């Protein structure tokens, strides 16, 4: 680390002497410092470039609120959008140990802060729902954006008064499944319900309420997106997986898979591909991986075998 100003006492190769800190080392011009940058007024040589932004926090005039460029960004995954504060325990902001009297005082403040954390019962329910959404998203291995969208959808459902008389855990799971449907993530209702803290019928009921009252833009699920997960679970070869994917694509183009269970139709296509390539699989295991009954797999398998010649024409 430098202990003196640069070019304060430096060596001049041309005159074999010292130069002043106010003179340019190239043209002996005058140096000028502006905003932390020292440059020559004649030749423009930058002698020191240590610019420090001293303008202070930035404000956004176009917004109604005075937002500052400090702290973490706002998030929908927290009931207060990430604006809550936490009271420390044994050390201060500089890492110094606090006295016993100060620690007892902070304990009392922490208790009162916890009691005043929620302004209403609705805010407490929102916090519980966001926590449940975070747990389900982590169990399913979804992205952070999915958690943000699910939390925002849960907030919209609460503002629309859809949670009255219904389970918070069911709506939390339903919002995660709704985000999976809207973003075309390959997660079935059974997978979401398996990690939820409520029965599957409650999750189904909550999703139907969200879809009817909020008008979710959920596109039809394509069976092709379920093929990789099923093939990985059954351990089939890559060429068999590719053949099953081609079958589902031809069925989708012929509008044969519309209105069917996408995971069940994908399981039926994979069963047909395994039969064509001579791969032995257990139908019960395939149905369990697709979260459908073996009857559904056999029905779609027979439909694909009977109609695929017409798809190719």
C-alpha atoms as a PDB file:
ATOM      1  CA  UNK A   1       0.000   0.000   0.000  1.00  0.00           C
ATOM      2  CA  UNK A   2       1.379   3.428  -0.970  1.00  0.00           C
ATOM      3  CA  UNK A   3       2.326   5.701   1.898  1.00  0.00           C
ATOM      4  CA  UNK A   4       2.782   8.903  -0.145  1.00  0.00           C
ATOM      5  CA  UNK A   5       1.193  10.664  -3.063  1.00  0.00           C
ATOM      6  CA  UNK A   6       2.172   9.329  -6.539  1.00  0.00           C
ATOM      7  CA  UNK A   7       4.734  11.441  -8.425  1.00  0.00           C
ATOM      8  CA  UNK A   8       5.355  13.489  -5.311  1.00  0.00           C
ATOM      9  CA  UNK A   9       9.105  12.815  -5.520  1.00  0.00           C
ATOM     10  CA  UNK A  10       9.975  10.852  -8.661  1.00  0.00           C
ATOM     11  CA  UNK A  11      12.987  10.600 -10.941  1.00  0.00           C
ATOM     12  CA  UNK A  12      13.123  12.454 -14.266  1.00  0.00           C
ATOM     13  CA  UNK A  13      15.083  10.515 -16.892  1.00  0.00           C
ATOM     14  CA  UNK A  14      15.646  13.570 -19.090  1.00  0.00           C
ATOM     15  CA  UNK A  15      17.016  16.048 -16.524  1.00  0.00           C
ATOM     16  CA  UNK A  16      18.352  13.530 -13.976  1.00  0.00           C
ATOM     17  CA  UNK A  17      16.467  15.397 -11.301  1.00  0.00           C
ATOM     18  CA  UNK A  18      13.249  15.462  -9.374  1.00  0.00           C
ATOM     19  CA  UNK A  19       9.906  16.736 -10.637  1.00  0.00           C
ATOM     20  CA  UNK A  20       7.121  18.382  -8.691  1.00  0.00           C
ATOM     21  CA  UNK A  21       3.834  16.730  -7.866  1.00  0.00           C
ATOM     22  CA  UNK A  22       2.071  19.566  -9.707  1.00  0.00           C
ATOM     23  CA  UNK A  23       3.857  18.949 -13.041  1.00  0.00           C
ATOM     24  CA  UNK A  24       3.035  16.363 -15.703  1.00  0.00           C
ATOM     25  CA  UNK A  25       5.771  13.714 -16.049  1.00  0.00           C
ATOM     26  CA  UNK A  26       5.366  13.754 -19.857  1.00  0.00           C
ATOM     27  CA  UNK A  27       5.048  17.392 -20.934  1.00  0.00           C
ATOM     28  CA  UNK A  28       5.632  19.346 -17.703  1.00  0.00           C
ATOM     29  CA  UNK A  29       2.082  20.561 -17.936  1.00  0.00           C
ATOM     30  CA  UNK A  30      -0.231  21.395 -15.092  1.00  0.00           C
ATOM     31  CA  UNK A  31      -1.982  18.548 -13.287  1.00  0.00           C
ATOM     32  CA  UNK A  32      -5.627  18.815 -12.331  1.00  0.00           C
ATOM     33  CA  UNK A  33      -7.612  16.560  -9.990  1.00  0.00           C
ATOM     34  CA  UNK A  34     -11.328  16.120 -10.570  1.00  0.00           C
ATOM     35  CA  UNK A  35     -13.507  13.443  -8.956  1.00  0.00           C
ATOM     36  CA  UNK A  36     -10.530  11.376  -7.818  1.00  0.00           C
ATOM     37  CA  UNK A  37      -8.859  11.392 -11.268  1.00  0.00           C
ATOM     38  CA  UNK A  38      -5.613  13.316 -11.751  1.00  0.00           C
ATOM     39  CA  UNK A  39      -4.789  14.210 -15.351  1.00  0.00           C
ATOM     40  CA  UNK A  40      -2.717  16.722 -17.305  1.00  0.00           C
ATOM     41  CA  UNK A  41      -4.500  19.764 -18.694  1.00  0.00           C
ATOM     42  CA  UNK A  42      -2.162  19.915 -21.738  1.00  0.00           C
ATOM     43  CA  UNK A  43      -1.594  16.359 -23.025  1.00  0.00           C
ATOM     44  CA  UNK A  44      -4.422  14.580 -21.170  1.00  0.00           C
ATOM     45  CA  UNK A  45      -2.192  12.003 -19.435  1.00  0.00           C
ATOM     46  CA  UNK A  46      -4.028  10.270 -16.600  1.00  0.00           C
ATOM     47  CA  UNK A  47      -1.602  10.182 -13.705  1.00  0.00           C
ATOM     48  CA  UNK A  48      -3.959   8.720 -11.107  1.00  0.00           C
ATOM     49  CA  UNK A  49      -7.277   6.991 -11.756  1.00  0.00           C
ATOM     50  CA  UNK A  50      -8.881   6.227  -8.425  1.00  0.00           C
ATOM     51  CA  UNK A  51     -12.382   7.501  -9.033  1.00  0.00           C
ATOM     52  CA  UNK A  52     -14.747   7.362  -6.085  1.00  0.00           C
ATOM     53  CA  UNK A  53     -18.470   7.864  -6.531  1.00  0.00           C
ATOM     54  CA  UNK A  54     -19.350  10.509  -3.960  1.00  0.00           C
ATOM     55  CA  UNK A  55     -22.783  11.292  -5.293  1.00  0.00           C
ATOM     56  CA  UNK A  56     -24.533   9.345  -2.520  1.00  0.00           C
ATOM     57  CA  UNK A  57     -27.410   6.886  -2.875  1.00  0.00           C
ATOM     58  CA  UNK A  58     -29.360   6.988  -6.105  1.00  0.00           C
ATOM     59  CA  UNK A  59     -33.051   7.820  -6.095  1.00  0.00           C
ATOM     60  CA  UNK A  60     -35.760   6.984  -8.609  1.00  0.00           C
ATOM     61  CA  UNK A  61     -37.838  10.060  -9.356  1.00  0.00           C
ATOM     62  CA  UNK A  62     -40.297   8.212 -11.553  1.00  0.00           C
ATOM     63  CA  UNK A  63     -41.531   6.121  -8.632  1.00  0.00           C
ATOM     64  CA  UNK A  64     -43.885   7.303  -5.953  1.00  0.00           C
ATOM     65  CA  UNK A  65     -41.736   5.934  -3.131  1.00  0.00           C
ATOM     66  CA  UNK A  66     -38.227   7.106  -2.351  1.00  0.00           C
ATOM     67  CA  UNK A  67     -36.232   3.960  -3.014  1.00  0.00           C
ATOM     68  CA  UNK A  68     -32.598   3.970  -1.998  1.00  0.00           C
ATOM     69  CA  UNK A  69     -29.724   1.958  -3.411  1.00  0.00           C
ATOM     70  CA  UNK A  70     -29.022   0.219  -0.126  1.00  0.00           C
ATOM     71  CA  UNK A  71     -29.662  -3.249   1.267  1.00  0.00           C
ATOM     72  CA  UNK A  72     -30.794  -6.412  -0.450  1.00  0.00           C
ATOM     73  CA  UNK A  73     -33.191  -6.287  -3.413  1.00  0.00           C
ATOM     74  CA  UNK A  74     -36.910  -6.623  -2.844  1.00  0.00           C
ATOM     75  CA  UNK A  75     -38.255 -10.161  -3.024  1.00  0.00           C
ATOM     76  CA  UNK A  76     -41.728 -11.679  -3.157  1.00  0.00           C
ATOM     77  CA  UNK A  77     -40.534 -14.744  -1.249  1.00  0.00           C
ATOM     78  CA  UNK A  78     -40.722 -12.858   2.078  1.00  0.00           C
ATOM     79  CA  UNK A  79     -43.910 -11.591   3.632  1.00  0.00           C
ATOM     80  CA  UNK A  80     -42.389  -8.113   4.029  1.00  0.00           C
ATOM     81  CA  UNK A  81     -40.520  -8.292   0.680  1.00  0.00           C
ATOM     82  CA  UNK A  82     -37.178  -8.572   2.496  1.00  0.00           C
ATOM     83  CA  UNK A  83     -37.418  -5.322   4.475  1.00  0.00           C
ATOM     84  CA  UNK A  84     -37.378  -6.881   7.956  1.00  0.00           C
ATOM     85  CA  UNK A  85     -34.497  -6.380  10.359  1.00  0.00           C
ATOM     86  CA  UNK A  86     -32.700  -8.763  12.696  1.00  0.00           C
ATOM     87  CA  UNK A  87     -31.258  -8.006  16.113  1.00  0.00           C
ATOM     88  CA  UNK A  88     -27.883  -9.577  16.835  1.00  0.00           C
ATOM     89  CA  UNK A  89     -26.776 -11.549  19.865  1.00  0.00           C
ATOM     90  CA  UNK A  90     -23.298 -11.344  21.378  1.00  0.00           C
ATOM     91  CA  UNK A  91     -21.349  -8.962  19.124  1.00  0.00           C
ATOM     92  CA  UNK A  92     -21.897  -5.562  17.595  1.00  0.00           C
ATOM     93  CA  UNK A  93     -21.495  -4.500  13.976  1.00  0.00           C
ATOM     94  CA  UNK A  94     -17.702  -4.316  14.330  1.00  0.00           C
ATOM     95  CA  UNK A  95     -17.394  -7.775  15.888  1.00  0.00           C
ATOM     96  CA  UNK A  96     -16.728  -6.523  19.425  1.00  0.00           C
ATOM     97  CA  UNK A  97     -18.037  -8.540  22.350  1.00  0.00           C
ATOM     98  CA  UNK A  98     -21.042  -7.000  24.082  1.00  0.00           C
ATOM     99  CA  UNK A  99     -21.401  -6.793  27.808  1.00  0.00           C
ATOM    100  CA  UNK A 100     -23.850  -8.944  29.717  1.00  0.00           C
ATOM    101  CA  UNK A 101     -26.109  -5.981  30.406  1.00  0.00           C
ATOM    102  CA  UNK A 102     -26.262  -5.052  26.737  1.00  0.00           C
ATOM    103  CA  UNK A 103     -26.963  -8.671  25.741  1.00  0.00           C
ATOM    104  CA  UNK A 104     -29.901  -8.843  28.163  1.00  0.00           C
ATOM    105  CA  UNK A 105     -31.198  -5.583  26.750  1.00  0.00           C
ATOM    106  CA  UNK A 106     -30.963  -6.946  23.211  1.00  0.00           C
ATOM    107  CA  UNK A 107     -32.776 -10.102  24.328  1.00  0.00           C
ATOM    108  CA  UNK A 108     -35.693  -7.991  25.562  1.00  0.00           C
ATOM    109  CA  UNK A 109     -35.687  -5.981  22.348  1.00  0.00           C
ATOM    110  CA  UNK A 110     -35.577  -9.164  20.314  1.00  0.00           C
ATOM    111  CA  UNK A 111     -38.589 -10.549  22.150  1.00  0.00           C
ATOM    112  CA  UNK A 112     -40.626  -7.419  21.556  1.00  0.00           C
ATOM    113  CA  UNK A 113     -39.478  -7.280  17.955  1.00  0.00           C
ATOM    114  CA  UNK A 114     -40.679 -10.841  17.421  1.00  0.00           C
ATOM    115  CA  UNK A 115     -44.058 -10.026  18.914  1.00  0.00           C
ATOM    116  CA  UNK A 116     -44.450  -6.998  16.659  1.00  0.00           C
ATOM    117  CA  UNK A 117     -43.179  -8.741  13.538  1.00  0.00           C
ATOM    118  CA  UNK A 118     -46.633  -9.207  12.043  1.00  0.00           C
ATOM    119  CA  UNK A 119     -49.155  -6.418  11.900  1.00  0.00           C
ATOM    120  CA  UNK A 120     -52.147  -8.703  11.348  1.00  0.00           C
ATOM    121  CA  UNK A 121     -53.213 -12.320  11.127  1.00  0.00           C
ATOM    122  CA  UNK A 122     -53.231 -12.060   7.330  1.00  0.00           C
ATOM    123  CA  UNK A 123     -49.565 -11.078   7.360  1.00  0.00           C
ATOM    124  CA  UNK A 124     -48.788 -14.013   9.624  1.00  0.00           C
ATOM    125  CA  UNK A 125     -50.575 -16.366   7.220  1.00  0.00           C
ATOM    126  CA  UNK A 126     -48.639 -14.851   4.331  1.00  0.00           C
ATOM    127  CA  UNK A 127     -45.357 -15.492   6.125  1.00  0.00           C
ATOM    128  CA  UNK A 128     -46.383 -19.104   6.800  1.00  0.00           C
ATOM    129  CA  UNK A 129     -47.358 -19.574   3.161  1.00  0.00           C
ATOM    130  CA  UNK A 130     -44.069 -18.147   1.866  1.00  0.00           C
ATOM    131  CA  UNK A 131     -42.131 -20.445   4.184  1.00  0.00           C
ATOM    132  CA  UNK A 132     -44.093 -23.465   2.967  1.00  0.00           C
ATOM    133  CA  UNK A 133     -43.510 -22.451  -0.655  1.00  0.00           C
ATOM    134  CA  UNK A 134     -39.780 -22.207  -0.029  1.00  0.00           C
ATOM    135  CA  UNK A 135     -39.777 -25.711   1.464  1.00  0.00           C
ATOM    136  CA  UNK A 136     -41.716 -27.240  -1.445  1.00  0.00           C
ATOM    137  CA  UNK A 137     -39.571 -25.493  -4.055  1.00  0.00           C
ATOM    138  CA  UNK A 138     -36.427 -26.787  -2.368  1.00  0.00           C
ATOM    139  CA  UNK A 139     -37.815 -30.336  -2.153  1.00  0.00           C
ATOM    140  CA  UNK A 140     -38.727 -30.336  -5.854  1.00  0.00           C
ATOM    141  CA  UNK A 141     -35.422 -28.786  -6.967  1.00  0.00           C
ATOM    142  CA  UNK A 142     -37.016 -25.780  -8.694  1.00  0.00           C
ATOM    143  CA  UNK A 143     -35.372 -22.448  -9.444  1.00  0.00           C
ATOM    144  CA  UNK A 144     -35.403 -19.249  -7.416  1.00  0.00           C
ATOM    145  CA  UNK A 145     -37.612 -17.609 -10.044  1.00  0.00           C
ATOM    146  CA  UNK A 146     -40.235 -20.302  -9.495  1.00  0.00           C
ATOM    147  CA  UNK A 147     -40.246 -19.502  -5.796  1.00  0.00           C
ATOM    148  CA  UNK A 148     -40.704 -15.794  -6.533  1.00  0.00           C
ATOM    149  CA  UNK A 149     -43.616 -16.447  -8.897  1.00  0.00           C
ATOM    150  CA  UNK A 150     -45.282 -18.875  -6.507  1.00  0.00           C
ATOM    151  CA  UNK A 151     -45.008 -16.395  -3.634  1.00  0.00           C
ATOM    152  CA  UNK A 152     -46.461 -13.631  -5.800  1.00  0.00           C
ATOM    153  CA  UNK A 153     -49.346 -15.908  -6.816  1.00  0.00           C
ATOM    154  CA  UNK A 154     -49.990 -16.806  -3.168  1.00  0.00           C
ATOM    155  CA  UNK A 155     -50.086 -13.101  -2.336  1.00  0.00           C
ATOM    156  CA  UNK A 156     -52.594 -12.513  -5.145  1.00  0.00           C
ATOM    157  CA  UNK A 157     -54.761 -15.370  -3.876  1.00  0.00           C
ATOM    158  CA  UNK A 158     -54.766 -13.887  -0.381  1.00  0.00           C
ATOM    159  CA  UNK A 159     -55.706 -10.447  -1.696  1.00  0.00           C
ATOM    160  CA  UNK A 160     -58.564 -12.034  -3.641  1.00  0.00           C
ATOM    161  CA  UNK A 161     -59.802 -13.602  -0.367  1.00  0.00           C
ATOM    162  CA  UNK A 162     -59.421 -17.154  -1.653  1.00  0.00           C
ATOM    163  CA  UNK A 163     -57.741 -18.519   1.487  1.00  0.00           C
ATOM    164  CA  UNK A 164     -60.704 -18.019   3.794  1.00  0.00           C
ATOM    165  CA  UNK A 165     -61.758 -21.397   5.179  1.00  0.00           C
ATOM    166  CA  UNK A 166     -59.076 -23.260   3.226  1.00  0.00           C
ATOM    167  CA  UNK A 167     -55.691 -24.753   4.067  1.00  0.00           C
ATOM    168  CA  UNK A 168     -52.619 -22.534   3.765  1.00  0.00           C
ATOM    169  CA  UNK A 169     -50.423 -25.560   3.060  1.00  0.00           C
ATOM    170  CA  UNK A 170     -52.748 -26.641   0.248  1.00  0.00           C
ATOM    171  CA  UNK A 171     -52.647 -23.215  -1.404  1.00  0.00           C
ATOM    172  CA  UNK A 172     -48.869 -23.066  -1.049  1.00  0.00           C
ATOM    173  CA  UNK A 173     -48.539 -26.394  -2.861  1.00  0.00           C
ATOM    174  CA  UNK A 174     -51.158 -25.345  -5.416  1.00  0.00           C
ATOM    175  CA  UNK A 175     -49.271 -22.153  -6.265  1.00  0.00           C
ATOM    176  CA  UNK A 176     -46.077 -24.141  -6.834  1.00  0.00           C
ATOM    177  CA  UNK A 177     -47.922 -26.550  -9.131  1.00  0.00           C
ATOM    178  CA  UNK A 178     -49.567 -23.603 -10.918  1.00  0.00           C
ATOM    179  CA  UNK A 179     -46.153 -22.067 -11.586  1.00  0.00           C
ATOM    180  CA  UNK A 180     -44.944 -25.420 -12.927  1.00  0.00           C
ATOM    181  CA  UNK A 181     -47.913 -25.516 -15.283  1.00  0.00           C
ATOM    182  CA  UNK A 182     -47.495 -21.926 -16.457  1.00  0.00           C
ATOM    183  CA  UNK A 183     -43.719 -22.226 -16.961  1.00  0.00           C
ATOM    184  CA  UNK A 184     -43.987 -25.709 -18.523  1.00  0.00           C
ATOM    185  CA  UNK A 185     -41.852 -27.298 -15.803  1.00  0.00           C
ATOM    186  CA  UNK A 186     -42.155 -31.079 -15.756  1.00  0.00           C
ATOM    187  CA  UNK A 187     -43.666 -31.568 -12.312  1.00  0.00           C
ATOM    188  CA  UNK A 188     -46.835 -33.584 -11.922  1.00  0.00           C
ATOM    189  CA  UNK A 189     -49.523 -32.948  -9.362  1.00  0.00           C
ATOM    190  CA  UNK A 190     -48.533 -36.145  -7.586  1.00  0.00           C
ATOM    191  CA  UNK A 191     -44.932 -34.983  -7.204  1.00  0.00           C
ATOM    192  CA  UNK A 192     -46.046 -31.691  -5.675  1.00  0.00           C
ATOM    193  CA  UNK A 193     -48.604 -33.361  -3.423  1.00  0.00           C
ATOM    194  CA  UNK A 194     -46.039 -35.905  -2.227  1.00  0.00           C
ATOM    195  CA  UNK A 195     -43.955 -33.162  -0.574  1.00  0.00           C
ATOM    196  CA  UNK A 196     -46.925 -31.090   0.610  1.00  0.00           C
ATOM    197  CA  UNK A 197     -48.149 -31.204   4.188  1.00  0.00           C
ATOM    198  CA  UNK A 198     -51.724 -31.957   3.207  1.00  0.00           C
ATOM    199  CA  UNK A 199     -53.746 -34.470   1.225  1.00  0.00           C
ATOM    200  CA  UNK A 200     -53.673 -34.535  -2.547  1.00  0.00           C
ATOM    201  CA  UNK A 201     -57.377 -33.756  -2.849  1.00  0.00           C
ATOM    202  CA  UNK A 202     -56.845 -30.488  -0.975  1.00  0.00           C
ATOM    203  CA  UNK A 203     -54.044 -29.490  -3.348  1.00  0.00           C
ATOM    204  CA  UNK A 204     -56.270 -30.334  -6.314  1.00  0.00           C
ATOM    205  CA  UNK A 205     -59.130 -28.295  -4.879  1.00  0.00           C
ATOM    206  CA  UNK A 206     -56.844 -25.316  -4.208  1.00  0.00           C
ATOM    207  CA  UNK A 207     -55.441 -25.447  -7.735  1.00  0.00           C
ATOM    208  CA  UNK A 208     -58.951 -25.541  -9.218  1.00  0.00           C
ATOM    209  CA  UNK A 209     -59.856 -22.455  -7.179  1.00  0.00           C
ATOM    210  CA  UNK A 210     -56.749 -20.626  -8.378  1.00  0.00           C
ATOM    211  CA  UNK A 211     -57.381 -21.588 -11.976  1.00  0.00           C
ATOM    212  CA  UNK A 212     -61.053 -20.577 -11.909  1.00  0.00           C
ATOM    213  CA  UNK A 213     -60.811 -17.309  -9.959  1.00  0.00           C
ATOM    214  CA  UNK A 214     -57.451 -15.965 -11.122  1.00  0.00           C
ATOM    215  CA  UNK A 215     -57.527 -17.281 -14.697  1.00  0.00           C
ATOM    216  CA  UNK A 216     -54.095 -18.883 -14.821  1.00  0.00           C
ATOM    217  CA  UNK A 217     -52.438 -18.849 -18.269  1.00  0.00           C
ATOM    218  CA  UNK A 218     -51.584 -22.542 -18.082  1.00  0.00           C
ATOM    219  CA  UNK A 219     -50.893 -24.049 -21.531  1.00  0.00           C
ATOM    220  CA  UNK A 220     -51.546 -27.739 -22.262  1.00  0.00           C
ATOM    221  CA  UNK A 221     -48.717 -29.949 -21.099  1.00  0.00           C
ATOM    222  CA  UNK A 222     -46.857 -31.831 -23.803  1.00  0.00           C
ATOM    223  CA  UNK A 223     -46.129 -35.525 -23.157  1.00  0.00           C
ATOM    224  CA  UNK A 224     -42.686 -35.117 -24.727  1.00  0.00           C
ATOM    225  CA  UNK A 225     -41.411 -33.156 -21.726  1.00  0.00           C
ATOM    226  CA  UNK A 226     -42.065 -36.144 -19.414  1.00  0.00           C
ATOM    227  CA  UNK A 227     -40.092 -38.644 -21.496  1.00  0.00           C
ATOM    228  CA  UNK A 228     -36.570 -37.822 -20.150  1.00  0.00           C
ATOM    229  CA  UNK A 229     -37.598 -38.218 -16.500  1.00  0.00           C
ATOM    230  CA  UNK A 230     -39.409 -41.494 -17.171  1.00  0.00           C
ATOM    231  CA  UNK A 231     -36.544 -42.847 -19.266  1.00  0.00           C
ATOM    232  CA  UNK A 232     -34.052 -41.951 -16.555  1.00  0.00           C
ATOM    233  CA  UNK A 233     -36.196 -43.587 -13.869  1.00  0.00           C
ATOM    234  CA  UNK A 234     -36.561 -46.809 -15.889  1.00  0.00           C
ATOM    235  CA  UNK A 235     -32.974 -46.831 -17.167  1.00  0.00           C
ATOM    236  CA  UNK A 236     -33.814 -47.323 -20.846  1.00  0.00           C
ATOM    237  CA  UNK A 237     -31.239 -46.721 -23.614  1.00  0.00           C
ATOM    238  CA  UNK A 238     -30.945 -43.415 -25.409  1.00  0.00           C
ATOM    239  CA  UNK A 239     -32.277 -44.722 -28.720  1.00  0.00           C
ATOM    240  CA  UNK A 240     -35.393 -46.031 -26.988  1.00  0.00           C
ATOM    241  CA  UNK A 241     -35.926 -42.664 -25.357  1.00  0.00           C
ATOM    242  CA  UNK A 242     -35.535 -40.938 -28.720  1.00  0.00           C
ATOM    243  CA  UNK A 243     -38.080 -43.294 -30.290  1.00  0.00           C
ATOM    244  CA  UNK A 244     -40.586 -42.587 -27.495  1.00  0.00           C
ATOM    245  CA  UNK A 245     -40.072 -38.856 -27.943  1.00  0.00           C
ATOM    246  CA  UNK A 246     -40.747 -39.178 -31.658  1.00  0.00           C
ATOM    247  CA  UNK A 247     -43.972 -41.065 -30.949  1.00  0.00           C
ATOM    248  CA  UNK A 248     -45.236 -38.356 -28.619  1.00  0.00           C
ATOM    249  CA  UNK A 249     -44.369 -35.651 -31.150  1.00  0.00           C
ATOM    250  CA  UNK A 250     -46.324 -37.417 -33.918  1.00  0.00           C
ATOM    251  CA  UNK A 251     -49.253 -37.907 -31.546  1.00  0.00           C
ATOM    252  CA  UNK A 252     -49.142 -34.206 -30.606  1.00  0.00           C
ATOM    253  CA  UNK A 253     -49.088 -33.176 -34.271  1.00  0.00           C
ATOM    254  CA  UNK A 254     -52.087 -35.415 -34.919  1.00  0.00           C
ATOM    255  CA  UNK A 255     -53.925 -33.997 -31.846  1.00  0.00           C
ATOM    256  CA  UNK A 256     -54.211 -37.486 -30.388  1.00  0.00           C
ATOM    257  CA  UNK A 257     -52.643 -36.617 -27.024  1.00  0.00           C
ATOM    258  CA  UNK A 258     -54.832 -33.582 -26.330  1.00  0.00           C
ATOM    259  CA  UNK A 259     -57.087 -34.038 -23.331  1.00  0.00           C
ATOM    260  CA  UNK A 260     -55.104 -36.980 -21.971  1.00  0.00           C
ATOM    261  CA  UNK A 261     -52.880 -37.237 -18.940  1.00  0.00           C
ATOM    262  CA  UNK A 262     -49.486 -36.054 -20.291  1.00  0.00           C
ATOM    263  CA  UNK A 263     -47.364 -38.202 -18.003  1.00  0.00           C
ATOM    264  CA  UNK A 264     -49.599 -41.231 -18.630  1.00  0.00           C
ATOM    265  CA  UNK A 265     -49.433 -40.754 -22.396  1.00  0.00           C
ATOM    266  CA  UNK A 266     -45.644 -40.396 -22.170  1.00  0.00           C
ATOM    267  CA  UNK A 267     -45.499 -43.631 -20.174  1.00  0.00           C
ATOM    268  CA  UNK A 268     -47.573 -45.373 -22.848  1.00  0.00           C
ATOM    269  CA  UNK A 269     -45.255 -44.081 -25.592  1.00  0.00           C
ATOM    270  CA  UNK A 270     -42.229 -45.276 -23.643  1.00  0.00           C
ATOM    271  CA  UNK A 271     -43.836 -48.702 -23.223  1.00  0.00           C
ATOM    272  CA  UNK A 272     -44.368 -48.906 -26.996  1.00  0.00           C
ATOM    273  CA  UNK A 273     -40.775 -47.830 -27.667  1.00  0.00           C
ATOM    274  CA  UNK A 274     -39.433 -50.422 -25.225  1.00  0.00           C
ATOM    275  CA  UNK A 275     -41.475 -53.139 -26.928  1.00  0.00           C
ATOM    276  CA  UNK A 276     -40.191 -52.081 -30.364  1.00  0.00           C
ATOM    277  CA  UNK A 277     -36.556 -52.112 -29.193  1.00  0.00           C
ATOM    278  CA  UNK A 278     -36.871 -55.281 -27.111  1.00  0.00           C
ATOM    279  CA  UNK A 279     -36.266 -53.553 -23.781  1.00  0.00           C
ATOM    280  CA  UNK A 280     -37.838 -55.269 -20.783  1.00  0.00           C
ATOM    281  CA  UNK A 281     -39.534 -52.968 -18.252  1.00  0.00           C
ATOM    282  CA  UNK A 282     -42.007 -53.594 -15.476  1.00  0.00           C
ATOM    283  CA  UNK A 283     -45.286 -51.899 -16.265  1.00  0.00           C
ATOM    284  CA  UNK A 284     -46.083 -51.335 -12.596  1.00  0.00           C
ATOM    285  CA  UNK A 285     -42.783 -49.515 -12.082  1.00  0.00           C
ATOM    286  CA  UNK A 286     -43.409 -47.388 -15.169  1.00  0.00           C
ATOM    287  CA  UNK A 287     -46.855 -46.445 -13.910  1.00  0.00           C
ATOM    288  CA  UNK A 288     -45.403 -45.550 -10.516  1.00  0.00           C
ATOM    289  CA  UNK A 289     -42.779 -43.317 -12.108  1.00  0.00           C
ATOM    290  CA  UNK A 290     -45.490 -41.523 -14.109  1.00  0.00           C
ATOM    291  CA  UNK A 291     -47.807 -41.300 -11.075  1.00  0.00           C
ATOM    292  CA  UNK A 292     -50.643 -43.018 -12.932  1.00  0.00           C
ATOM    293  CA  UNK A 293     -52.299 -46.424 -12.749  1.00  0.00           C
ATOM    294  CA  UNK A 294     -51.117 -49.388 -14.848  1.00  0.00           C
ATOM    295  CA  UNK A 295     -54.497 -49.335 -16.605  1.00  0.00           C
ATOM    296  CA  UNK A 296     -53.736 -45.817 -17.889  1.00  0.00           C
ATOM    297  CA  UNK A 297     -50.374 -46.945 -19.250  1.00  0.00           C
ATOM    298  CA  UNK A 298     -51.923 -49.944 -21.030  1.00  0.00           C
ATOM    299  CA  UNK A 299     -54.738 -47.822 -22.481  1.00  0.00           C
ATOM    300  CA  UNK A 300     -52.372 -45.268 -23.977  1.00  0.00           C
ATOM    301  CA  UNK A 301     -50.011 -48.006 -25.151  1.00  0.00           C
ATOM    302  CA  UNK A 302     -52.806 -49.752 -27.054  1.00  0.00           C
ATOM    303  CA  UNK A 303     -53.993 -46.433 -28.513  1.00  0.00           C
ATOM    304  CA  UNK A 304     -50.517 -45.566 -29.776  1.00  0.00           C
ATOM    305  CA  UNK A 305     -49.971 -49.003 -31.292  1.00  0.00           C
ATOM    306  CA  UNK A 306     -53.322 -48.871 -33.075  1.00  0.00           C
ATOM    307  CA  UNK A 307     -53.054 -45.306 -34.413  1.00  0.00           C
ATOM    308  CA  UNK A 308     -49.370 -44.701 -35.090  1.00  0.00           C
ATOM    309  CA  UNK A 309     -49.575 -46.018 -38.657  1.00  0.00           C
ATOM    310  CA  UNK A 310     -52.106 -43.316 -39.410  1.00  0.00           C
ATOM    311  CA  UNK A 311     -49.846 -40.645 -37.851  1.00  0.00           C
ATOM    312  CA  UNK A 312     -46.987 -41.594 -40.143  1.00  0.00           C
ATOM    313  CA  UNK A 313     -49.215 -41.232 -43.224  1.00  0.00           C
END
